Amino acid sequence: MKQGLFEICQNVPLTESVYKMVLRGNTEDITSSGQFVNIKLDGFFLRRPISVCDYDENTLTILYKVVGKGTKAMSQMQEGVLDVLTGLGNGYDETVSGETPLLLGGGVGVPPMYKLAKNLIAQGKKVSVILGFNTKNEVFYEEEFKALGACVTVTTVDGSYGIKGFVTDAMKNKEYSHFYVCGPEPMLKAIYSASTTSGQFSFEERMGCGFGACMGCSCKTVTGYKRICKDGPVLFKEEILWEN
């Protein structure tokens, strides 16, 4: 984990509520797709945990949804410097993907799939991506995934774009060696039940510190309690225990 200052280079809307922010700074502690950062905002006590969408040697891209006062304040920033904790979380294990991995992202669970897809395609893997949204005007990053060379399917709950239904409806027709998923918990549970191989789930929990000190995001697993912010956010299918 590293604390550093990042300059805002770009902050633009992708949809009515989802924004893309590009930051310039030291990214050396970000080592894996699926990790997240924790951003300090002036006037707010707790940092905001945001998934890493993409990064290189000196830039970091995040996609975030405006859901409260903090992210609303972020959406209005066009310049300045942010205090950011980087290198948080375990990230996805790409070594077990097999030759035909399937990536599934729902809503704001889409961003971490991008860097993962980029890495797997660079390794010569045949990557399929399913993006799930409620309606057409919420769809984002479809073209960006296609530009990487991924086979992309979009689902919308209301059928206004792509396949009508949920990501699991599109998943039925896919053959895959391993799957990766990030999204809301009902989606994760549905994929857990529908999946036919091992896979990795990225969980979204309310986090106090973001690095394992406060224990506020602990959850019970097959091997005992784990902290989503430090031992996760990625858990393998075989270690997950769902609470009723």
C-alpha atoms as a PDB file:
ATOM      1  CA  MET A   1       0.000   0.000   0.000  1.00  0.00           C
ATOM      2  CA  LYS A   2       1.219   3.482  -0.825  1.00  0.00           C
ATOM      3  CA  GLN A   3      -0.204   6.912  -0.098  1.00  0.00           C
ATOM      4  CA  GLY A   4       0.393   9.474  -2.796  1.00  0.00           C
ATOM      5  CA  LEU A   5      -0.822  12.593  -4.513  1.00  0.00           C
ATOM      6  CA  PHE A   6      -2.441  12.242  -7.937  1.00  0.00           C
ATOM      7  CA  GLU A   7      -3.196  15.037 -10.377  1.00  0.00           C
ATOM      8  CA  ILE A   8      -6.616  15.056 -12.062  1.00  0.00           C
ATOM      9  CA  CYS A   9      -6.051  14.905 -15.834  1.00  0.00           C
ATOM     10  CA  GLN A  10      -9.572  14.096 -16.989  1.00  0.00           C
ATOM     11  CA  ASN A  11     -13.019  13.761 -15.412  1.00  0.00           C
ATOM     12  CA  VAL A  12     -15.829  13.213 -17.896  1.00  0.00           C
ATOM     13  CA  PRO A  13     -19.322  11.643 -17.826  1.00  0.00           C
ATOM     14  CA  LEU A  14     -19.871   8.319 -19.616  1.00  0.00           C
ATOM     15  CA  THR A  15     -23.570   8.156 -18.733  1.00  0.00           C
ATOM     16  CA  GLU A  16     -25.900  10.305 -16.663  1.00  0.00           C
ATOM     17  CA  SER A  17     -24.378   8.969 -13.442  1.00  0.00           C
ATOM     18  CA  VAL A  18     -21.102   7.194 -14.346  1.00  0.00           C
ATOM     19  CA  TYR A  19     -17.871   9.181 -14.736  1.00  0.00           C
ATOM     20  CA  LYS A  20     -14.378   8.427 -15.989  1.00  0.00           C
ATOM     21  CA  MET A  21     -11.467  10.018 -14.115  1.00  0.00           C
ATOM     22  CA  VAL A  22      -7.844   9.799 -15.226  1.00  0.00           C
ATOM     23  CA  LEU A  23      -5.198  10.582 -12.604  1.00  0.00           C
ATOM     24  CA  ARG A  24      -1.437  11.048 -12.937  1.00  0.00           C
ATOM     25  CA  GLY A  25       0.849   9.821 -10.170  1.00  0.00           C
ATOM     26  CA  ASN A  26       2.932   6.952  -8.805  1.00  0.00           C
ATOM     27  CA  THR A  27       1.183   3.654  -9.608  1.00  0.00           C
ATOM     28  CA  GLU A  28       4.016   1.263  -8.690  1.00  0.00           C
ATOM     29  CA  ASP A  29       2.012  -0.343  -5.850  1.00  0.00           C
ATOM     30  CA  ILE A  30      -0.819  -1.343  -8.195  1.00  0.00           C
ATOM     31  CA  THR A  31       0.222  -4.811  -9.266  1.00  0.00           C
ATOM     32  CA  SER A  32      -2.925  -6.679 -10.270  1.00  0.00           C
ATOM     33  CA  SER A  33      -6.232  -6.269 -12.063  1.00  0.00           C
ATOM     34  CA  GLY A  34      -9.100  -6.228  -9.569  1.00  0.00           C
ATOM     35  CA  GLN A  35      -7.333  -4.081  -6.974  1.00  0.00           C
ATOM     36  CA  PHE A  36      -8.829  -0.807  -5.752  1.00  0.00           C
ATOM     37  CA  VAL A  37      -7.781   2.611  -4.515  1.00  0.00           C
ATOM     38  CA  ASN A  38      -9.089   4.683  -1.601  1.00  0.00           C
ATOM     39  CA  ILE A  39      -9.531   8.388  -2.278  1.00  0.00           C
ATOM     40  CA  LYS A  40      -9.579  11.166   0.323  1.00  0.00           C
ATOM     41  CA  LEU A  41     -11.992  13.998  -0.425  1.00  0.00           C
ATOM     42  CA  ASP A  42     -11.858  17.346   1.351  1.00  0.00           C
ATOM     43  CA  GLY A  43     -14.792  17.736   3.729  1.00  0.00           C
ATOM     44  CA  PHE A  44     -15.510  13.995   4.036  1.00  0.00           C
ATOM     45  CA  PHE A  45     -14.312  11.803   6.910  1.00  0.00           C
ATOM     46  CA  LEU A  46     -14.056   8.411   5.164  1.00  0.00           C
ATOM     47  CA  ARG A  47     -12.122   7.753   1.990  1.00  0.00           C
ATOM     48  CA  ARG A  48     -13.996   6.476  -1.092  1.00  0.00           C
ATOM     49  CA  PRO A  49     -12.952   2.984  -2.320  1.00  0.00           C
ATOM     50  CA  ILE A  50     -12.985   2.814  -6.140  1.00  0.00           C
ATOM     51  CA  SER A  51     -12.020  -0.116  -8.377  1.00  0.00           C
ATOM     52  CA  VAL A  52      -9.071   0.309 -10.709  1.00  0.00           C
ATOM     53  CA  CYS A  53     -10.223   0.269 -14.324  1.00  0.00           C
ATOM     54  CA  ASP A  54      -6.807   0.651 -15.946  1.00  0.00           C
ATOM     55  CA  TYR A  55      -3.282   1.809 -15.136  1.00  0.00           C
ATOM     56  CA  ASP A  56       0.182   2.166 -16.595  1.00  0.00           C
ATOM     57  CA  GLU A  57       3.488   3.447 -15.222  1.00  0.00           C
ATOM     58  CA  ASN A  58       2.185   6.903 -14.299  1.00  0.00           C
ATOM     59  CA  THR A  59      -1.567   7.082 -14.914  1.00  0.00           C
ATOM     60  CA  LEU A  60      -4.579   5.570 -13.204  1.00  0.00           C
ATOM     61  CA  THR A  61      -8.087   5.342 -14.672  1.00  0.00           C
ATOM     62  CA  ILE A  62     -11.155   4.885 -12.495  1.00  0.00           C
ATOM     63  CA  LEU A  63     -14.840   4.729 -13.416  1.00  0.00           C
ATOM     64  CA  TYR A  64     -17.256   5.637 -10.644  1.00  0.00           C
ATOM     65  CA  LYS A  65     -20.964   6.134 -10.144  1.00  0.00           C
ATOM     66  CA  VAL A  66     -22.438   9.191  -8.456  1.00  0.00           C
ATOM     67  CA  VAL A  67     -24.409   7.723  -5.551  1.00  0.00           C
ATOM     68  CA  GLY A  68     -23.928  10.237  -2.734  1.00  0.00           C
ATOM     69  CA  LYS A  69     -22.384  13.528  -1.683  1.00  0.00           C
ATOM     70  CA  GLY A  70     -18.805  12.274  -1.944  1.00  0.00           C
ATOM     71  CA  THR A  71     -18.999  10.956  -5.489  1.00  0.00           C
ATOM     72  CA  LYS A  72     -21.096  13.975  -6.447  1.00  0.00           C
ATOM     73  CA  ALA A  73     -18.238  16.189  -5.278  1.00  0.00           C
ATOM     74  CA  MET A  74     -15.795  14.042  -7.285  1.00  0.00           C
ATOM     75  CA  SER A  75     -17.858  14.462 -10.442  1.00  0.00           C
ATOM     76  CA  GLN A  76     -17.466  18.250 -10.230  1.00  0.00           C
ATOM     77  CA  MET A  77     -13.659  18.198 -10.026  1.00  0.00           C
ATOM     78  CA  GLN A  78     -11.955  19.283 -13.245  1.00  0.00           C
ATOM     79  CA  GLU A  79      -8.497  19.973 -11.840  1.00  0.00           C
ATOM     80  CA  GLY A  80      -6.506  19.649  -8.655  1.00  0.00           C
ATOM     81  CA  VAL A  81      -4.740  16.951  -6.665  1.00  0.00           C
ATOM     82  CA  LEU A  82      -6.186  13.982  -4.764  1.00  0.00           C
ATOM     83  CA  ASP A  83      -4.712  12.035  -1.844  1.00  0.00           C
ATOM     84  CA  VAL A  84      -4.937   8.379  -2.926  1.00  0.00           C
ATOM     85  CA  LEU A  85      -4.075   5.068  -1.263  1.00  0.00           C
ATOM     86  CA  THR A  86      -3.003   2.591  -3.970  1.00  0.00           C
ATOM     87  CA  GLY A  87      -2.224  -1.123  -4.095  1.00  0.00           C
ATOM     88  CA  LEU A  88      -5.236  -2.159  -2.014  1.00  0.00           C
ATOM     89  CA  GLY A  89      -6.811  -5.609  -2.193  1.00  0.00           C
ATOM     90  CA  ASN A  90      -5.582  -8.898  -3.615  1.00  0.00           C
ATOM     91  CA  GLY A  91      -6.861  -8.598  -7.193  1.00  0.00           C
ATOM     92  CA  TYR A  92      -7.653 -11.380  -9.662  1.00  0.00           C
ATOM     93  CA  ASP A  93      -5.477 -14.452 -10.154  1.00  0.00           C
ATOM     94  CA  GLU A  94      -4.870 -14.487 -13.908  1.00  0.00           C
ATOM     95  CA  THR A  95      -2.725 -17.636 -13.887  1.00  0.00           C
ATOM     96  CA  VAL A  96      -5.744 -19.972 -13.619  1.00  0.00           C
ATOM     97  CA  SER A  97      -7.824 -18.425 -16.417  1.00  0.00           C
ATOM     98  CA  GLY A  98      -7.398 -21.210 -18.953  1.00  0.00           C
ATOM     99  CA  GLU A  99      -7.633 -20.463 -22.664  1.00  0.00           C
ATOM    100  CA  THR A 100     -11.246 -19.215 -22.818  1.00  0.00           C
ATOM    101  CA  PRO A 101     -11.986 -17.078 -19.739  1.00  0.00           C
ATOM    102  CA  LEU A 102     -15.371 -15.422 -19.258  1.00  0.00           C
ATOM    103  CA  LEU A 103     -15.581 -11.968 -17.639  1.00  0.00           C
ATOM    104  CA  LEU A 104     -18.873 -10.703 -16.224  1.00  0.00           C
ATOM    105  CA  GLY A 105     -19.480  -7.158 -14.981  1.00  0.00           C
ATOM    106  CA  GLY A 106     -22.701  -5.645 -13.709  1.00  0.00           C
ATOM    107  CA  GLY A 107     -23.089  -1.857 -13.541  1.00  0.00           C
ATOM    108  CA  VAL A 108     -20.186  -0.384 -11.584  1.00  0.00           C
ATOM    109  CA  GLY A 109     -18.756  -3.909 -11.460  1.00  0.00           C
ATOM    110  CA  VAL A 110     -17.713  -3.405 -15.082  1.00  0.00           C
ATOM    111  CA  PRO A 111     -14.537  -1.273 -14.542  1.00  0.00           C
ATOM    112  CA  PRO A 112     -12.183  -3.905 -13.022  1.00  0.00           C
ATOM    113  CA  MET A 113     -13.018  -6.230 -15.917  1.00  0.00           C
ATOM    114  CA  TYR A 114     -11.279  -3.870 -18.345  1.00  0.00           C
ATOM    115  CA  LYS A 115      -7.697  -4.212 -17.102  1.00  0.00           C
ATOM    116  CA  LEU A 116      -8.281  -7.928 -16.581  1.00  0.00           C
ATOM    117  CA  ALA A 117      -9.457  -8.324 -20.183  1.00  0.00           C
ATOM    118  CA  LYS A 118      -6.494  -6.306 -21.448  1.00  0.00           C
ATOM    119  CA  ASN A 119      -4.038  -8.501 -19.552  1.00  0.00           C
ATOM    120  CA  LEU A 120      -5.605 -11.818 -20.569  1.00  0.00           C
ATOM    121  CA  ILE A 121      -5.826 -10.826 -24.240  1.00  0.00           C
ATOM    122  CA  ALA A 122      -2.163  -9.794 -24.137  1.00  0.00           C
ATOM    123  CA  GLN A 123      -1.434 -13.338 -22.909  1.00  0.00           C
ATOM    124  CA  GLY A 124      -3.127 -14.755 -25.996  1.00  0.00           C
ATOM    125  CA  LYS A 125      -6.347 -15.845 -24.259  1.00  0.00           C
ATOM    126  CA  LYS A 126      -9.694 -15.849 -26.086  1.00  0.00           C
ATOM    127  CA  VAL A 127     -11.699 -13.557 -23.807  1.00  0.00           C
ATOM    128  CA  SER A 128     -15.488 -13.259 -23.694  1.00  0.00           C
ATOM    129  CA  VAL A 129     -17.103 -10.405 -21.774  1.00  0.00           C
ATOM    130  CA  ILE A 130     -20.714 -10.044 -20.621  1.00  0.00           C
ATOM    131  CA  LEU A 131     -21.772  -6.575 -19.435  1.00  0.00           C
ATOM    132  CA  GLY A 132     -25.054  -6.223 -17.548  1.00  0.00           C
ATOM    133  CA  PHE A 133     -27.128  -3.062 -17.107  1.00  0.00           C
ATOM    134  CA  ASN A 134     -30.709  -2.112 -16.296  1.00  0.00           C
ATOM    135  CA  THR A 135     -31.406  -0.141 -19.456  1.00  0.00           C
ATOM    136  CA  LYS A 136     -29.788   1.204 -22.649  1.00  0.00           C
ATOM    137  CA  ASN A 137     -28.831   4.643 -21.328  1.00  0.00           C
ATOM    138  CA  GLU A 138     -26.755   3.027 -18.564  1.00  0.00           C
ATOM    139  CA  VAL A 139     -24.487   1.092 -20.952  1.00  0.00           C
ATOM    140  CA  PHE A 140     -20.811   2.091 -20.952  1.00  0.00           C
ATOM    141  CA  TYR A 141     -17.441   0.725 -22.099  1.00  0.00           C
ATOM    142  CA  GLU A 142     -18.871  -1.719 -24.639  1.00  0.00           C
ATOM    143  CA  GLU A 143     -16.740  -0.274 -27.441  1.00  0.00           C
ATOM    144  CA  GLU A 144     -13.635  -0.104 -25.252  1.00  0.00           C
ATOM    145  CA  PHE A 145     -13.819  -3.850 -24.577  1.00  0.00           C
ATOM    146  CA  LYS A 146     -14.384  -4.556 -28.272  1.00  0.00           C
ATOM    147  CA  ALA A 147     -11.325  -2.449 -29.129  1.00  0.00           C
ATOM    148  CA  LEU A 148      -9.233  -4.773 -26.956  1.00  0.00           C
ATOM    149  CA  GLY A 149     -10.356  -7.730 -29.069  1.00  0.00           C
ATOM    150  CA  ALA A 150     -12.807  -9.261 -26.610  1.00  0.00           C
ATOM    151  CA  CYS A 151     -16.055 -10.931 -27.672  1.00  0.00           C
ATOM    152  CA  VAL A 152     -18.610  -8.646 -25.998  1.00  0.00           C
ATOM    153  CA  THR A 153     -22.245  -9.315 -25.087  1.00  0.00           C
ATOM    154  CA  VAL A 154     -24.480  -6.712 -23.444  1.00  0.00           C
ATOM    155  CA  THR A 155     -27.624  -7.480 -21.461  1.00  0.00           C
ATOM    156  CA  THR A 156     -30.285  -5.062 -20.216  1.00  0.00           C
ATOM    157  CA  VAL A 157     -33.019  -5.944 -17.753  1.00  0.00           C
ATOM    158  CA  ASP A 158     -35.671  -4.079 -19.742  1.00  0.00           C
ATOM    159  CA  GLY A 159     -34.493  -5.355 -23.135  1.00  0.00           C
ATOM    160  CA  SER A 160     -33.858  -1.867 -24.514  1.00  0.00           C
ATOM    161  CA  TYR A 161     -30.388  -2.905 -25.726  1.00  0.00           C
ATOM    162  CA  GLY A 162     -28.627  -6.203 -26.351  1.00  0.00           C
ATOM    163  CA  ILE A 163     -30.047  -9.359 -24.796  1.00  0.00           C
ATOM    164  CA  LYS A 164     -33.077  -8.903 -22.571  1.00  0.00           C
ATOM    165  CA  GLY A 165     -32.467 -10.185 -19.074  1.00  0.00           C
ATOM    166  CA  PHE A 166     -29.500 -10.691 -16.790  1.00  0.00           C
ATOM    167  CA  VAL A 167     -25.884 -11.664 -17.361  1.00  0.00           C
ATOM    168  CA  THR A 168     -26.801 -15.229 -16.412  1.00  0.00           C
ATOM    169  CA  ASP A 169     -29.156 -15.369 -19.418  1.00  0.00           C
ATOM    170  CA  ALA A 170     -26.240 -14.642 -21.751  1.00  0.00           C
ATOM    171  CA  MET A 171     -23.968 -16.916 -19.744  1.00  0.00           C
ATOM    172  CA  LYS A 172     -26.040 -19.997 -20.637  1.00  0.00           C
ATOM    173  CA  ASN A 173     -24.729 -20.004 -24.204  1.00  0.00           C
ATOM    174  CA  LYS A 174     -21.053 -19.560 -23.332  1.00  0.00           C
ATOM    175  CA  GLU A 175     -18.340 -22.185 -23.044  1.00  0.00           C
ATOM    176  CA  TYR A 176     -15.546 -21.052 -20.758  1.00  0.00           C
ATOM    177  CA  SER A 177     -12.533 -22.370 -18.881  1.00  0.00           C
ATOM    178  CA  HIS A 178     -12.808 -20.048 -15.870  1.00  0.00           C
ATOM    179  CA  PHE A 179     -14.871 -17.000 -14.976  1.00  0.00           C
ATOM    180  CA  TYR A 180     -14.309 -13.659 -13.265  1.00  0.00           C
ATOM    181  CA  VAL A 181     -17.123 -11.482 -11.970  1.00  0.00           C
ATOM    182  CA  CYS A 182     -17.779  -8.171 -10.226  1.00  0.00           C
ATOM    183  CA  GLY A 183     -21.174  -6.681  -9.468  1.00  0.00           C
ATOM    184  CA  PRO A 184     -23.989  -6.439  -6.915  1.00  0.00           C
ATOM    185  CA  GLU A 185     -24.474  -9.372  -4.549  1.00  0.00           C
ATOM    186  CA  PRO A 186     -27.724 -10.723  -6.125  1.00  0.00           C
ATOM    187  CA  MET A 187     -25.835 -10.997  -9.412  1.00  0.00           C
ATOM    188  CA  LEU A 188     -22.907 -12.754  -7.724  1.00  0.00           C
ATOM    189  CA  LYS A 189     -25.251 -15.287  -6.117  1.00  0.00           C
ATOM    190  CA  ALA A 190     -26.982 -15.970  -9.438  1.00  0.00           C
ATOM    191  CA  ILE A 191     -23.665 -16.544 -11.209  1.00  0.00           C
ATOM    192  CA  TYR A 192     -22.479 -18.792  -8.383  1.00  0.00           C
ATOM    193  CA  SER A 193     -25.510 -21.021  -8.984  1.00  0.00           C
ATOM    194  CA  ALA A 194     -25.366 -20.871 -12.783  1.00  0.00           C
ATOM    195  CA  SER A 195     -21.611 -21.373 -13.258  1.00  0.00           C
ATOM    196  CA  THR A 196     -20.122 -24.694 -14.345  1.00  0.00           C
ATOM    197  CA  THR A 197     -16.439 -24.074 -13.573  1.00  0.00           C
ATOM    198  CA  SER A 198     -14.331 -22.529 -10.862  1.00  0.00           C
ATOM    199  CA  GLY A 199     -14.279 -18.749 -10.814  1.00  0.00           C
ATOM    200  CA  GLN A 200     -13.424 -15.597  -8.905  1.00  0.00           C
ATOM    201  CA  PHE A 201     -15.857 -13.129  -7.334  1.00  0.00           C
ATOM    202  CA  SER A 202     -15.058  -9.520  -6.463  1.00  0.00           C
ATOM    203  CA  PHE A 203     -17.175  -8.347  -3.533  1.00  0.00           C
ATOM    204  CA  GLU A 204     -18.328  -4.825  -2.788  1.00  0.00           C
ATOM    205  CA  GLU A 205     -18.517  -4.070   0.939  1.00  0.00           C
ATOM    206  CA  ARG A 206     -18.709  -0.890   2.991  1.00  0.00           C
ATOM    207  CA  MET A 207     -15.134  -0.196   4.073  1.00  0.00           C
ATOM    208  CA  GLY A 208     -13.926   1.995   6.888  1.00  0.00           C
ATOM    209  CA  CYS A 209     -10.148   1.999   6.455  1.00  0.00           C
ATOM    210  CA  GLY A 210      -9.638   0.027   3.245  1.00  0.00           C
ATOM    211  CA  PHE A 211      -6.516  -1.829   4.431  1.00  0.00           C
ATOM    212  CA  GLY A 212      -7.679  -4.318   7.061  1.00  0.00           C
ATOM    213  CA  ALA A 213      -7.286  -2.411  10.323  1.00  0.00           C
ATOM    214  CA  CYS A 214     -10.891  -1.729  11.322  1.00  0.00           C
ATOM    215  CA  MET A 215     -12.329  -5.211  10.548  1.00  0.00           C
ATOM    216  CA  GLY A 216     -15.552  -3.534   9.392  1.00  0.00           C
ATOM    217  CA  CYS A 217     -15.789  -5.503   6.148  1.00  0.00           C
ATOM    218  CA  SER A 218     -15.162  -8.999   7.509  1.00  0.00           C
ATOM    219  CA  CYS A 219     -17.148 -11.902   6.099  1.00  0.00           C
ATOM    220  CA  LYS A 220     -17.283 -15.618   6.882  1.00  0.00           C
ATOM    221  CA  THR A 221     -15.687 -18.019   4.380  1.00  0.00           C
ATOM    222  CA  VAL A 222     -14.992 -21.760   4.247  1.00  0.00           C
ATOM    223  CA  THR A 223     -11.585 -21.127   5.834  1.00  0.00           C
ATOM    224  CA  GLY A 224     -12.770 -18.598   8.436  1.00  0.00           C
ATOM    225  CA  TYR A 225     -13.365 -14.856   8.488  1.00  0.00           C
ATOM    226  CA  LYS A 226     -11.698 -12.705   5.858  1.00  0.00           C
ATOM    227  CA  ARG A 227     -11.463  -8.943   5.438  1.00  0.00           C
ATOM    228  CA  ILE A 228     -12.867  -7.965   2.043  1.00  0.00           C
ATOM    229  CA  CYS A 229     -10.566  -4.941   1.783  1.00  0.00           C
ATOM    230  CA  LYS A 230      -7.328  -6.852   2.498  1.00  0.00           C
ATOM    231  CA  ASP A 231      -7.901 -10.606   2.038  1.00  0.00           C
ATOM    232  CA  GLY A 232     -10.275  -9.760  -0.841  1.00  0.00           C
ATOM    233  CA  PRO A 233     -12.065  -8.186  -2.548  1.00  0.00           C
ATOM    234  CA  VAL A 234     -11.593 -11.285  -4.736  1.00  0.00           C
ATOM    235  CA  LEU A 235     -12.619 -14.700  -3.407  1.00  0.00           C
ATOM    236  CA  PHE A 236     -12.609 -18.012  -5.258  1.00  0.00           C
ATOM    237  CA  LYS A 237     -15.957 -19.751  -5.764  1.00  0.00           C
ATOM    238  CA  GLU A 238     -14.868 -22.674  -3.590  1.00  0.00           C
ATOM    239  CA  GLU A 239     -14.306 -20.543  -0.469  1.00  0.00           C
ATOM    240  CA  ILE A 240     -17.558 -18.561  -0.516  1.00  0.00           C
ATOM    241  CA  LEU A 241     -20.284 -19.043   2.102  1.00  0.00           C
ATOM    242  CA  TRP A 242     -23.521 -17.220   1.344  1.00  0.00           C
ATOM    243  CA  GLU A 243     -25.534 -15.881   4.253  1.00  0.00           C
ATOM    244  CA  ASN A 244     -29.270 -16.545   4.106  1.00  0.00           C
END
